[in-house]
Amino acid sequence: MSSAFVAPFLKGTALQKRKEVSKCVKASTSSPLTPLNPSETRIKKRDGSFPSRPGAKTYQVKIEDPRKGIVHTYTVPEDRYIWHSITDQGADLPASCRNGCCTTCAVKMSTGEVQQEEALGLLKDMRAKGYALLCVSYARSDIDCVLQGKDEVYVKQFGSSFESGGVEWGGFVPEDD
């Protein structure tokens, strides 16, 4: 980081951390998964593109696709997003954003558990009803699930409120406008 310009929002500890990260990046010739020294932690890339660590626990994931009439069964590691792991094995699963913001990769869980803290496109009550977004879900057990229609989960979450009319500050827009 050049000392000629320092962004006004980078002050004190934030600036020091930025300089330390910059030094680590410049000094590193290894992959992002390899720590520079044993005390450093593993860098987590959020898109799930890195391979699983050797020896990671694996689970069986069975996904029913009602539109195509097929059932996919794959083995996925516990430390990799389910969608990325399965598509690397050749499955053609739907996805749009791959960041947990849309509902294109949504499934309804029949059995099993996932960890999906980054599933921003899924309301808490939908998660409680057994829905999951595969692009940001880690398997925590063997799973049986059913792919949902392209907009099915989106409509279940938001359809009734968005289709009831426009909303502006202060309430609903009258139908005459």
Protein backbone atom coordinates (compact mmCIF):
# COMPACT_ATOMS: atom_id res chain seq x y z
CA MET A 1 0.00 0.00 0.00
CA SER A 2 1.47 3.34 -0.99
CA SER A 3 2.05 5.86 1.75
CA ALA A 4 1.27 8.68 -0.70
CA PHE A 5 -2.49 8.22 -0.40
CA VAL A 6 -4.46 6.81 2.52
CA ALA A 7 -8.20 6.52 2.14
CA PRO A 8 -9.92 8.56 4.89
CA PHE A 9 -11.94 5.54 6.02
CA LEU A 10 -8.78 3.48 6.64
CA LYS A 11 -7.60 4.70 10.00
CA GLY A 12 -5.88 3.13 12.97
CA THR A 13 -6.40 -0.62 13.28
CA ALA A 14 -8.17 -0.95 9.91
CA LEU A 15 -5.22 0.67 8.15
CA GLN A 16 -2.73 -1.55 9.98
CA LYS A 17 -4.69 -4.69 9.05
CA ARG A 18 -4.86 -3.56 5.43
CA LYS A 19 -1.07 -3.13 5.37
CA GLU A 20 -0.54 -6.57 6.97
CA VAL A 21 -2.84 -8.26 4.45
CA SER A 22 -1.08 -6.45 1.63
CA LYS A 23 2.30 -7.71 2.86
CA CYS A 24 1.00 -11.28 3.14
CA VAL A 25 -0.44 -11.21 -0.37
CA LYS A 26 2.80 -9.84 -1.84
CA ALA A 27 4.95 -12.32 0.10
CA SER A 28 2.82 -15.34 -0.77
CA THR A 29 3.63 -17.39 -3.83
CA SER A 30 1.50 -20.30 -2.65
CA SER A 31 -2.19 -20.93 -3.25
CA PRO A 32 -4.77 -19.01 -1.16
CA LEU A 33 -5.48 -22.19 0.79
CA THR A 34 -1.89 -22.57 1.97
CA PRO A 35 -1.14 -20.58 5.11
CA LEU A 36 2.00 -18.45 5.07
CA ASN A 37 2.85 -19.81 8.51
CA PRO A 38 1.23 -22.43 10.75
CA SER A 39 -0.40 -19.84 13.03
CA GLU A 40 -2.43 -18.32 10.16
CA THR A 41 -5.93 -19.55 9.45
CA ARG A 42 -7.20 -20.95 6.18
CA ILE A 43 -8.73 -18.35 3.86
CA LYS A 44 -12.37 -19.13 3.02
CA LYS A 45 -13.47 -18.22 -0.48
CA ARG A 46 -17.24 -17.76 -0.42
CA ASP A 47 -18.08 -19.08 -3.86
CA GLY A 48 -17.21 -22.68 -2.96
CA SER A 49 -14.82 -23.09 -5.88
CA PHE A 50 -11.90 -24.48 -3.86
CA PRO A 51 -11.65 -28.23 -3.50
CA SER A 52 -12.44 -29.91 -0.22
CA ARG A 53 -9.68 -30.57 2.26
CA PRO A 54 -8.29 -34.12 2.16
CA GLY A 55 -10.06 -36.44 4.56
CA ALA A 56 -13.15 -34.24 4.99
CA LYS A 57 -16.25 -36.09 6.14
CA THR A 58 -18.67 -36.81 3.30
CA TYR A 59 -22.44 -37.21 3.04
CA GLN A 60 -24.84 -38.66 0.48
CA VAL A 61 -27.13 -36.06 -1.12
CA LYS A 62 -30.13 -37.29 -3.09
CA ILE A 63 -31.88 -34.63 -5.16
CA GLU A 64 -35.17 -35.34 -6.93
CA ASP A 65 -35.83 -33.25 -10.03
CA PRO A 66 -39.61 -33.53 -10.65
CA ARG A 67 -39.47 -31.59 -13.94
CA LYS A 68 -37.01 -34.05 -15.52
CA GLY A 69 -38.24 -37.07 -13.59
CA ILE A 70 -34.75 -37.98 -12.36
CA VAL A 71 -33.11 -38.50 -8.99
CA HIS A 72 -29.45 -37.48 -8.58
CA THR A 73 -27.36 -39.06 -5.82
CA TYR A 74 -23.94 -37.64 -5.06
CA THR A 75 -21.32 -37.71 -2.33
CA VAL A 76 -20.42 -34.25 -1.03
CA PRO A 77 -17.81 -33.14 1.52
CA GLU A 78 -18.84 -31.27 4.65
CA ASP A 79 -16.57 -28.29 3.89
CA ARG A 80 -17.80 -27.44 0.39
CA TYR A 81 -21.08 -25.93 -0.79
CA ILE A 82 -23.42 -28.65 -2.04
CA TRP A 83 -24.19 -26.99 -5.39
CA HIS A 84 -20.51 -26.54 -6.31
CA SER A 85 -19.60 -30.06 -5.28
CA ILE A 86 -22.44 -31.64 -7.24
CA THR A 87 -21.96 -29.59 -10.40
CA ASP A 88 -18.25 -30.48 -10.36
CA GLN A 89 -19.42 -34.10 -10.51
CA GLY A 90 -21.43 -33.42 -13.68
CA ALA A 91 -24.93 -32.57 -12.46
CA ASP A 92 -26.91 -29.88 -14.25
CA LEU A 93 -28.52 -28.05 -11.33
CA PRO A 94 -30.20 -24.65 -11.65
CA ALA A 95 -28.47 -21.57 -10.25
CA SER A 96 -28.37 -17.88 -10.93
CA CYS A 97 -26.38 -15.79 -8.48
CA ARG A 98 -24.50 -18.61 -6.68
CA ASN A 99 -24.26 -16.32 -3.66
CA GLY A 100 -27.42 -17.21 -1.72
CA CYS A 101 -29.38 -14.12 -2.77
CA CYS A 102 -31.85 -15.56 -5.28
CA THR A 103 -33.93 -18.72 -4.95
CA THR A 104 -33.06 -20.45 -8.24
CA CYS A 105 -31.19 -23.33 -6.53
CA ALA A 106 -33.82 -23.83 -3.80
CA VAL A 107 -34.76 -27.29 -2.57
CA LYS A 108 -37.31 -28.61 -0.09
CA MET A 109 -35.57 -30.91 2.37
CA SER A 110 -37.29 -34.24 3.05
CA THR A 111 -34.60 -35.54 5.41
CA GLY A 112 -31.24 -34.28 6.59
CA GLU A 113 -29.60 -31.09 7.79
CA VAL A 114 -27.66 -28.28 6.16
CA GLN A 115 -25.78 -25.27 7.43
CA GLN A 116 -26.78 -22.22 5.36
CA GLU A 117 -25.86 -19.05 7.23
CA GLU A 118 -25.25 -17.16 3.98
CA ALA A 119 -28.69 -17.91 2.47
CA LEU A 120 -29.85 -14.29 2.33
CA GLY A 121 -32.54 -15.06 -0.26
CA LEU A 122 -34.44 -17.32 2.13
CA LEU A 123 -36.59 -16.02 4.97
CA LYS A 124 -36.14 -17.63 8.41
CA ASP A 125 -39.61 -19.16 8.37
CA MET A 126 -38.87 -20.80 5.00
CA ARG A 127 -35.67 -22.26 6.43
CA ALA A 128 -37.68 -23.54 9.39
CA LYS A 129 -40.09 -25.23 6.94
CA GLY A 130 -37.16 -27.17 5.43
CA TYR A 131 -36.14 -25.08 2.44
CA ALA A 132 -32.47 -24.61 1.55
CA LEU A 133 -30.34 -22.86 -1.07
CA LEU A 134 -27.81 -25.39 -2.36
CA CYS A 135 -25.33 -22.78 -3.58
CA VAL A 136 -24.53 -21.70 0.01
CA SER A 137 -25.40 -24.84 1.98
CA TYR A 138 -23.00 -27.24 3.63
CA ALA A 139 -24.24 -30.80 4.22
CA ARG A 140 -24.38 -31.75 7.90
CA SER A 141 -25.94 -35.20 7.36
CA ASP A 142 -27.18 -37.41 4.52
CA ILE A 143 -29.87 -35.47 2.64
CA ASP A 144 -32.97 -36.21 0.58
CA CYS A 145 -34.47 -33.14 -1.10
CA VAL A 146 -36.65 -32.01 -4.01
CA LEU A 147 -35.70 -29.23 -6.45
CA GLN A 148 -38.24 -26.42 -6.48
CA GLY A 149 -39.59 -24.64 -9.55
CA LYS A 150 -37.67 -21.61 -10.83
CA ASP A 151 -39.78 -19.03 -8.97
CA GLU A 152 -41.75 -21.29 -6.65
CA VAL A 153 -39.88 -20.40 -3.43
CA TYR A 154 -39.67 -16.72 -4.37
CA VAL A 155 -43.46 -16.55 -4.83
CA LYS A 156 -44.04 -18.45 -1.55
CA GLN A 157 -41.94 -15.83 0.25
CA PHE A 158 -42.87 -12.61 -1.49
CA GLY A 159 -45.63 -13.20 -4.03
CA SER A 160 -48.60 -12.27 -1.89
CA SER A 161 -47.05 -9.03 -0.63
CA PHE A 162 -45.67 -7.85 -3.99
CA GLU A 163 -48.81 -8.70 -5.94
CA SER A 164 -51.09 -6.85 -3.51
CA GLY A 165 -50.03 -3.47 -4.85
CA GLY A 166 -47.23 -0.95 -4.70
CA VAL A 167 -46.05 0.42 -1.41
CA GLU A 168 -44.68 3.89 -0.79
CA TRP A 169 -43.72 5.78 2.35
CA GLY A 170 -46.88 6.13 4.35
CA GLY A 171 -48.81 3.13 3.03
CA PHE A 172 -50.32 1.54 -0.04
CA VAL A 173 -50.67 3.38 -3.31
CA PRO A 174 -54.38 3.85 -4.14
CA GLU A 175 -55.61 1.78 -7.09
CA ASP A 176 -56.76 4.93 -8.94
CA ASP A 177 -53.16 6.18 -9.34
